[in-house]
Amino acid sequence: MAVALWRARGLWVWVTAIVFFTVSIVDHLDAITAGLLAPAPQVFGGGSGPSPAVVPGLQMLIDLVALWLLTRRNVKRYYLDATARERR
C-alpha cells in the first residue's frame, strides 16, 4: 500500500487506500475485543504487562490519522486530479 501511495496516482489508489485502512481498523478492533475477552496464555506473556488493547489501539490510531489525511482536500485533489487529467 505504501508503494502504491508513493508511486501511483488516480482513483484506484485513493479508494484502495481507504478500503485498506478501514479493514485494518476493523481488524484492530477485533484484536482489542479478543484480547479483552480472553487474555493470552502465560506462556505467551499473558497475565502480566500492558493491557492487550494498547498495541492494537495505537495501530488503530495510526490508521485513523491515515484515513483523516486521505480525506483532506489537497490529498484528494492530488490523487483524483490525476484521474481527471488521464481522461482528457
N, C-alpha and C. Protein backbone atom coordinates (compact mmCIF):
# COMPACT_ATOMS: atom_id res chain seq x y z
N MET A 1 0.82 -1.17 0.00
CA MET A 1 0.00 0.00 0.00
C MET A 1 0.87 1.25 0.00
N ALA A 2 1.92 1.23 0.78
CA ALA A 2 2.80 2.40 0.84
C ALA A 2 3.44 2.69 -0.51
N VAL A 3 3.84 1.65 -1.23
CA VAL A 3 4.46 1.84 -2.55
C VAL A 3 3.44 2.42 -3.52
N ALA A 4 2.21 1.91 -3.49
CA ALA A 4 1.18 2.43 -4.39
C ALA A 4 0.88 3.90 -4.09
N LEU A 5 0.79 4.23 -2.80
CA LEU A 5 0.53 5.63 -2.44
C LEU A 5 1.68 6.54 -2.85
N TRP A 6 2.88 6.02 -2.79
CA TRP A 6 4.06 6.83 -3.10
C TRP A 6 4.26 6.99 -4.60
N ARG A 7 4.03 5.92 -5.36
CA ARG A 7 4.40 5.91 -6.77
C ARG A 7 3.26 6.19 -7.75
N ALA A 8 2.03 5.91 -7.35
CA ALA A 8 0.92 6.00 -8.32
C ALA A 8 -0.08 7.06 -7.88
N ARG A 9 -0.88 7.49 -8.84
CA ARG A 9 -1.98 8.41 -8.55
C ARG A 9 -3.19 7.92 -9.30
N GLY A 10 -4.33 8.38 -8.86
CA GLY A 10 -5.57 8.02 -9.52
C GLY A 10 -6.62 7.54 -8.53
N LEU A 11 -7.80 7.36 -9.05
CA LEU A 11 -8.93 6.95 -8.21
C LEU A 11 -8.69 5.61 -7.56
N TRP A 12 -8.13 4.65 -8.29
CA TRP A 12 -7.95 3.31 -7.73
C TRP A 12 -7.01 3.31 -6.53
N VAL A 13 -5.98 4.13 -6.56
CA VAL A 13 -5.04 4.19 -5.43
C VAL A 13 -5.74 4.79 -4.22
N TRP A 14 -6.47 5.85 -4.41
CA TRP A 14 -7.15 6.52 -3.31
C TRP A 14 -8.21 5.62 -2.68
N VAL A 15 -9.04 4.98 -3.51
CA VAL A 15 -10.09 4.09 -2.99
C VAL A 15 -9.47 2.86 -2.32
N THR A 16 -8.44 2.29 -2.91
CA THR A 16 -7.79 1.12 -2.32
C THR A 16 -7.19 1.47 -0.96
N ALA A 17 -6.61 2.64 -0.83
CA ALA A 17 -6.04 3.05 0.46
C ALA A 17 -7.13 3.21 1.51
N ILE A 18 -8.25 3.80 1.14
CA ILE A 18 -9.35 3.97 2.10
C ILE A 18 -9.89 2.61 2.53
N VAL A 19 -10.08 1.70 1.59
CA VAL A 19 -10.56 0.37 1.93
C VAL A 19 -9.54 -0.35 2.81
N PHE A 20 -8.26 -0.25 2.48
CA PHE A 20 -7.21 -0.91 3.25
C PHE A 20 -7.22 -0.44 4.71
N PHE A 21 -7.23 0.87 4.92
CA PHE A 21 -7.19 1.39 6.28
C PHE A 21 -8.49 1.11 7.04
N THR A 22 -9.62 1.07 6.35
CA THR A 22 -10.88 0.72 7.00
C THR A 22 -10.88 -0.73 7.47
N VAL A 23 -10.43 -1.64 6.62
CA VAL A 23 -10.33 -3.05 7.01
C VAL A 23 -9.32 -3.22 8.14
N SER A 24 -8.25 -2.46 8.10
CA SER A 24 -7.25 -2.53 9.16
C SER A 24 -7.83 -2.09 10.50
N ILE A 25 -8.64 -1.05 10.49
CA ILE A 25 -9.28 -0.58 11.74
C ILE A 25 -10.20 -1.65 12.29
N VAL A 26 -10.98 -2.28 11.43
CA VAL A 26 -11.86 -3.37 11.87
C VAL A 26 -11.04 -4.51 12.46
N ASP A 27 -9.91 -4.83 11.85
CA ASP A 27 -9.04 -5.88 12.37
C ASP A 27 -8.48 -5.52 13.74
N HIS A 28 -8.08 -4.27 13.93
CA HIS A 28 -7.56 -3.85 15.24
C HIS A 28 -8.66 -3.89 16.30
N LEU A 29 -9.87 -3.50 15.94
CA LEU A 29 -10.98 -3.60 16.89
C LEU A 29 -11.23 -5.05 17.28
N ASP A 30 -11.13 -5.95 16.32
CA ASP A 30 -11.28 -7.38 16.60
C ASP A 30 -10.18 -7.86 17.55
N ALA A 31 -8.96 -7.42 17.33
CA ALA A 31 -7.85 -7.82 18.22
C ALA A 31 -8.06 -7.28 19.63
N ILE A 32 -8.56 -6.06 19.74
CA ILE A 32 -8.83 -5.49 21.06
C ILE A 32 -9.91 -6.31 21.76
N THR A 33 -10.98 -6.62 21.05
CA THR A 33 -12.08 -7.40 21.62
C THR A 33 -11.60 -8.77 22.08
N ALA A 34 -10.86 -9.45 21.22
CA ALA A 34 -10.35 -10.78 21.57
C ALA A 34 -9.41 -10.72 22.77
N GLY A 35 -8.56 -9.71 22.81
CA GLY A 35 -7.62 -9.57 23.92
C GLY A 35 -8.30 -9.27 25.24
N LEU A 36 -9.40 -8.54 25.20
CA LEU A 36 -10.11 -8.21 26.44
C LEU A 36 -10.99 -9.37 26.91
N LEU A 37 -11.51 -10.16 25.97
CA LEU A 37 -12.38 -11.28 26.34
C LEU A 37 -11.60 -12.50 26.81
N ALA A 38 -10.48 -12.76 26.18
CA ALA A 38 -9.70 -13.96 26.52
C ALA A 38 -8.22 -13.57 26.52
N PRO A 39 -7.66 -13.29 27.69
CA PRO A 39 -6.25 -12.90 27.74
C PRO A 39 -5.33 -14.00 27.21
N ALA A 40 -4.19 -13.60 26.74
CA ALA A 40 -3.21 -14.55 26.19
C ALA A 40 -2.71 -15.49 27.29
N PRO A 41 -2.39 -16.71 26.95
CA PRO A 41 -1.84 -17.64 27.94
C PRO A 41 -0.51 -17.12 28.50
N GLN A 42 -0.18 -17.56 29.70
CA GLN A 42 1.04 -17.07 30.34
C GLN A 42 2.29 -17.43 29.55
N VAL A 43 2.26 -18.53 28.82
CA VAL A 43 3.43 -18.91 28.03
C VAL A 43 3.73 -17.86 26.95
N PHE A 44 2.71 -17.10 26.53
CA PHE A 44 2.89 -16.04 25.55
C PHE A 44 3.01 -14.67 26.21
N GLY A 45 3.20 -14.64 27.52
CA GLY A 45 3.35 -13.38 28.22
C GLY A 45 2.04 -12.81 28.72
N GLY A 46 0.99 -13.59 28.69
CA GLY A 46 -0.31 -13.12 29.16
C GLY A 46 -0.35 -13.04 30.67
N GLY A 47 -1.26 -12.25 31.17
CA GLY A 47 -1.43 -12.12 32.61
C GLY A 47 -0.59 -11.04 33.23
N SER A 48 0.45 -10.60 32.58
CA SER A 48 1.27 -9.51 33.11
C SER A 48 1.58 -8.54 31.98
N GLY A 49 1.95 -7.36 32.32
CA GLY A 49 2.30 -6.38 31.30
C GLY A 49 1.12 -5.50 30.94
N PRO A 50 1.25 -4.75 29.86
CA PRO A 50 0.20 -3.79 29.49
C PRO A 50 -1.07 -4.50 29.03
N SER A 51 -2.13 -3.75 29.00
CA SER A 51 -3.41 -4.27 28.53
C SER A 51 -3.28 -4.75 27.09
N PRO A 52 -4.04 -5.80 26.73
CA PRO A 52 -3.97 -6.29 25.35
C PRO A 52 -4.56 -5.30 24.34
N ALA A 53 -5.15 -4.22 24.83
CA ALA A 53 -5.73 -3.24 23.92
C ALA A 53 -4.75 -2.13 23.55
N VAL A 54 -3.59 -2.07 24.19
CA VAL A 54 -2.68 -0.94 23.98
C VAL A 54 -2.10 -0.93 22.56
N VAL A 55 -1.47 -2.01 22.15
CA VAL A 55 -0.81 -2.02 20.84
C VAL A 55 -1.82 -1.92 19.70
N PRO A 56 -2.89 -2.75 19.67
CA PRO A 56 -3.87 -2.57 18.59
C PRO A 56 -4.54 -1.20 18.63
N GLY A 57 -4.70 -0.64 19.82
CA GLY A 57 -5.28 0.70 19.92
C GLY A 57 -4.40 1.76 19.30
N LEU A 58 -3.09 1.66 19.52
CA LEU A 58 -2.15 2.60 18.90
C LEU A 58 -2.11 2.42 17.38
N GLN A 59 -2.15 1.16 16.93
CA GLN A 59 -2.17 0.91 15.49
C GLN A 59 -3.44 1.47 14.86
N MET A 60 -4.56 1.33 15.57
CA MET A 60 -5.81 1.86 15.06
C MET A 60 -5.75 3.39 15.00
N LEU A 61 -5.12 4.01 15.96
CA LEU A 61 -4.96 5.46 15.95
C LEU A 61 -4.16 5.92 14.72
N ILE A 62 -3.11 5.19 14.39
CA ILE A 62 -2.32 5.50 13.19
C ILE A 62 -3.18 5.35 11.94
N ASP A 63 -4.00 4.31 11.88
CA ASP A 63 -4.88 4.12 10.73
C ASP A 63 -5.91 5.25 10.62
N LEU A 64 -6.44 5.68 11.76
CA LEU A 64 -7.40 6.80 11.74
C LEU A 64 -6.75 8.08 11.23
N VAL A 65 -5.51 8.32 11.63
CA VAL A 65 -4.79 9.51 11.14
C VAL A 65 -4.57 9.39 9.63
N ALA A 66 -4.22 8.20 9.17
CA ALA A 66 -4.03 7.99 7.73
C ALA A 66 -5.33 8.24 6.96
N LEU A 67 -6.45 7.75 7.49
CA LEU A 67 -7.74 8.00 6.84
C LEU A 67 -8.06 9.49 6.83
N TRP A 68 -7.79 10.15 7.94
CA TRP A 68 -8.05 11.58 8.01
C TRP A 68 -7.22 12.32 6.97
N LEU A 69 -5.95 11.94 6.84
CA LEU A 69 -5.09 12.59 5.85
C LEU A 69 -5.57 12.32 4.43
N LEU A 70 -6.04 11.10 4.16
CA LEU A 70 -6.51 10.76 2.82
C LEU A 70 -7.76 11.54 2.43
N THR A 71 -8.54 11.97 3.41
CA THR A 71 -9.77 12.69 3.09
C THR A 71 -9.58 14.21 3.09
N ARG A 72 -8.37 14.67 3.32
CA ARG A 72 -8.09 16.12 3.24
C ARG A 72 -8.24 16.57 1.79
N ARG A 73 -8.68 17.79 1.61
CA ARG A 73 -8.97 18.30 0.26
C ARG A 73 -7.74 18.26 -0.65
N ASN A 74 -6.58 18.66 -0.16
CA ASN A 74 -5.40 18.71 -1.03
C ASN A 74 -4.91 17.30 -1.38
N VAL A 75 -5.08 16.34 -0.49
CA VAL A 75 -4.66 14.96 -0.79
C VAL A 75 -5.62 14.34 -1.79
N LYS A 76 -6.91 14.57 -1.61
CA LYS A 76 -7.89 14.07 -2.59
C LYS A 76 -7.61 14.67 -3.96
N ARG A 77 -7.32 15.95 -3.99
CA ARG A 77 -7.03 16.61 -5.27
C ARG A 77 -5.79 16.00 -5.92
N TYR A 78 -4.76 15.70 -5.10
CA TYR A 78 -3.53 15.11 -5.62
C TYR A 78 -3.80 13.79 -6.33
N TYR A 79 -4.61 12.93 -5.72
CA TYR A 79 -4.88 11.61 -6.31
C TYR A 79 -5.98 11.66 -7.36
N LEU A 80 -7.02 12.43 -7.16
CA LEU A 80 -8.16 12.40 -8.06
C LEU A 80 -7.99 13.30 -9.27
N ASP A 81 -7.22 14.36 -9.17
CA ASP A 81 -6.97 15.19 -10.34
C ASP A 81 -6.17 14.45 -11.39
N ALA A 82 -5.36 13.50 -10.96
CA ALA A 82 -4.62 12.68 -11.92
C ALA A 82 -5.59 11.89 -12.79
N THR A 83 -6.69 11.42 -12.20
CA THR A 83 -7.71 10.70 -12.95
C THR A 83 -8.37 11.63 -13.97
N ALA A 84 -8.65 12.84 -13.54
CA ALA A 84 -9.28 13.80 -14.46
C ALA A 84 -8.35 14.14 -15.61
N ARG A 85 -7.05 14.24 -15.35
CA ARG A 85 -6.10 14.54 -16.41
C ARG A 85 -5.96 13.37 -17.39
N GLU A 86 -6.09 12.14 -16.89
CA GLU A 86 -5.95 10.97 -17.76
C GLU A 86 -7.12 10.87 -18.72
N ARG A 87 -8.31 11.36 -18.33
CA ARG A 87 -9.49 11.28 -19.18
C ARG A 87 -9.44 12.27 -20.33
N ARG A 88 -8.71 13.34 -20.17
CA ARG A 88 -8.68 14.40 -21.21
C ARG A 88 -7.91 13.97 -22.41
